[in-house]
Amino acid sequence: MPELNPDALRAAVARIAPSRIPALTQHLFEATTNAQQTQSLAPLRAFVHSWAVFVAIQRRPERAARLHELERLVDEGEEDPTAAIAEIRVIWEAAEAEAGL
C-alpha cells in the first residue's frame, strides 16, 4: 500500500489503473477547492480515504473482479441485493483495514 497522501496515491493509481488518473485529478481538485472554501480538512481526508480504498481493492485483481460482479448484480436489480451488499461491505472493510483507515 502506498502512503496516504495525494502524490503516493496518484503514483499507485497510475500503476494499477492509469485510466482512472483523470478522475483522481478531478476529485483532488474538488477536494482542495472544498477544503479551502470550508476551511476544513474533511474534503481532503475523504479524498485520501476514497482513493486508498480504491488502490487496496484494485491491487488484488480477484477482489476487484468480485466487487465489480457484485456491483453489477445490485445495479441489475433482478434479485434480492442483500447478500451482494453485505459482501460489498466486507470487501470495503478489508480494503480499509489494509489501507490503515
Protein backbone atom coordinates (compact mmCIF):
# COMPACT_ATOMS: atom_id res chain seq x y z
CA MET A 1 0.00 0.00 0.00
CA PRO A 2 1.23 3.48 -0.77
CA GLU A 3 1.49 6.23 1.79
CA LEU A 4 -1.79 8.03 2.40
CA ASN A 5 -1.04 11.24 0.54
CA PRO A 6 -2.12 12.52 -2.88
CA ASP A 7 1.24 12.02 -4.62
CA ALA A 8 1.67 8.43 -3.45
CA LEU A 9 -1.94 7.57 -4.26
CA ARG A 10 -1.60 9.13 -7.73
CA ALA A 11 1.52 7.03 -8.38
CA ALA A 12 -0.25 3.87 -7.26
CA VAL A 13 -3.30 4.59 -9.41
CA ALA A 14 -1.02 5.31 -12.38
CA ARG A 15 0.47 1.82 -11.96
CA ILE A 16 -2.70 -0.21 -11.36
CA ALA A 17 -5.44 1.75 -13.16
CA PRO A 18 -3.99 4.52 -15.34
CA SER A 19 -7.36 5.21 -16.93
CA ARG A 20 -8.56 6.50 -13.52
CA ILE A 21 -5.96 9.29 -13.26
CA PRO A 22 -8.34 11.93 -14.70
CA ALA A 23 -10.97 11.01 -12.08
CA LEU A 24 -8.38 11.15 -9.30
CA THR A 25 -7.14 14.53 -10.53
CA GLN A 26 -10.67 15.93 -10.70
CA HIS A 27 -11.51 14.59 -7.24
CA LEU A 28 -8.31 16.11 -5.80
CA PHE A 29 -9.09 19.48 -7.41
CA GLU A 30 -12.63 19.42 -5.98
CA ALA A 31 -11.40 18.30 -2.54
CA THR A 32 -8.81 21.06 -2.43
CA THR A 33 -11.32 23.69 -3.51
CA ASN A 34 -13.87 22.49 -0.95
CA ALA A 35 -11.23 22.39 1.79
CA GLN A 36 -10.31 25.99 1.07
CA GLN A 37 -13.91 27.16 0.91
CA THR A 38 -14.96 25.41 4.09
CA GLN A 39 -11.64 25.87 5.90
CA SER A 40 -11.77 22.18 6.75
CA LEU A 41 -9.53 19.22 6.02
CA ALA A 42 -12.54 16.90 5.77
CA PRO A 43 -12.72 17.02 1.93
CA LEU A 44 -9.04 16.09 1.68
CA ARG A 45 -9.47 13.29 4.20
CA ALA A 46 -12.40 11.97 2.15
CA PHE A 47 -10.24 12.10 -0.99
CA VAL A 48 -7.44 10.12 0.67
CA HIS A 49 -9.91 7.62 2.11
CA SER A 50 -11.67 7.06 -1.21
CA TRP A 51 -8.52 6.57 -3.26
CA ALA A 52 -6.72 4.49 -0.64
CA VAL A 53 -9.65 2.07 -0.63
CA PHE A 54 -9.68 2.09 -4.44
CA VAL A 55 -5.98 1.18 -4.53
CA ALA A 56 -6.38 -1.53 -1.90
CA ILE A 57 -9.19 -3.12 -3.90
CA GLN A 58 -7.65 -2.74 -7.35
CA ARG A 59 -4.25 -4.09 -6.39
CA ARG A 60 -5.87 -7.51 -5.94
CA PRO A 61 -7.44 -8.33 -9.32
CA GLU A 62 -9.60 -11.16 -8.00
CA ARG A 63 -11.09 -8.92 -5.33
CA ALA A 64 -11.67 -6.10 -7.82
CA ALA A 65 -13.38 -8.51 -10.22
CA ARG A 66 -15.61 -9.82 -7.45
CA LEU A 67 -16.55 -6.30 -6.38
CA HIS A 68 -17.47 -5.38 -9.96
CA GLU A 69 -19.58 -8.52 -10.27
CA LEU A 70 -21.41 -7.72 -7.03
CA GLU A 71 -21.99 -4.13 -8.11
CA ARG A 72 -23.39 -5.40 -11.41
CA LEU A 73 -25.80 -7.71 -9.56
CA VAL A 74 -27.01 -4.83 -7.40
CA ASP A 75 -27.34 -2.48 -10.39
CA GLU A 76 -29.37 -5.01 -12.39
CA GLY A 77 -31.91 -5.28 -9.61
CA GLU A 78 -33.10 -8.69 -10.76
CA GLU A 79 -32.59 -10.42 -7.43
CA ASP A 80 -32.53 -9.54 -3.74
CA PRO A 81 -29.37 -7.46 -3.28
CA THR A 82 -28.99 -8.09 0.46
CA ALA A 83 -26.24 -10.74 0.18
CA ALA A 84 -24.38 -8.81 -2.52
CA ILE A 85 -24.47 -5.61 -0.48
CA ALA A 86 -23.21 -7.46 2.58
CA GLU A 87 -20.29 -8.90 0.58
CA ILE A 88 -19.50 -5.45 -0.87
CA ARG A 89 -19.34 -4.15 2.69
CA VAL A 90 -16.91 -6.93 3.64
CA ILE A 91 -14.67 -6.10 0.66
CA TRP A 92 -14.67 -2.39 1.54
CA GLU A 93 -13.91 -3.08 5.21
CA ALA A 94 -10.99 -5.35 4.28
CA ALA A 95 -9.64 -2.69 1.91
CA GLU A 96 -9.97 -0.01 4.60
CA ALA A 97 -8.07 -2.20 7.06
CA GLU A 98 -5.29 -2.85 4.50
CA ALA A 99 -5.03 0.89 3.87
CA GLY A 100 -4.80 1.58 7.59
CA LEU A 101 -8.03 3.54 7.69
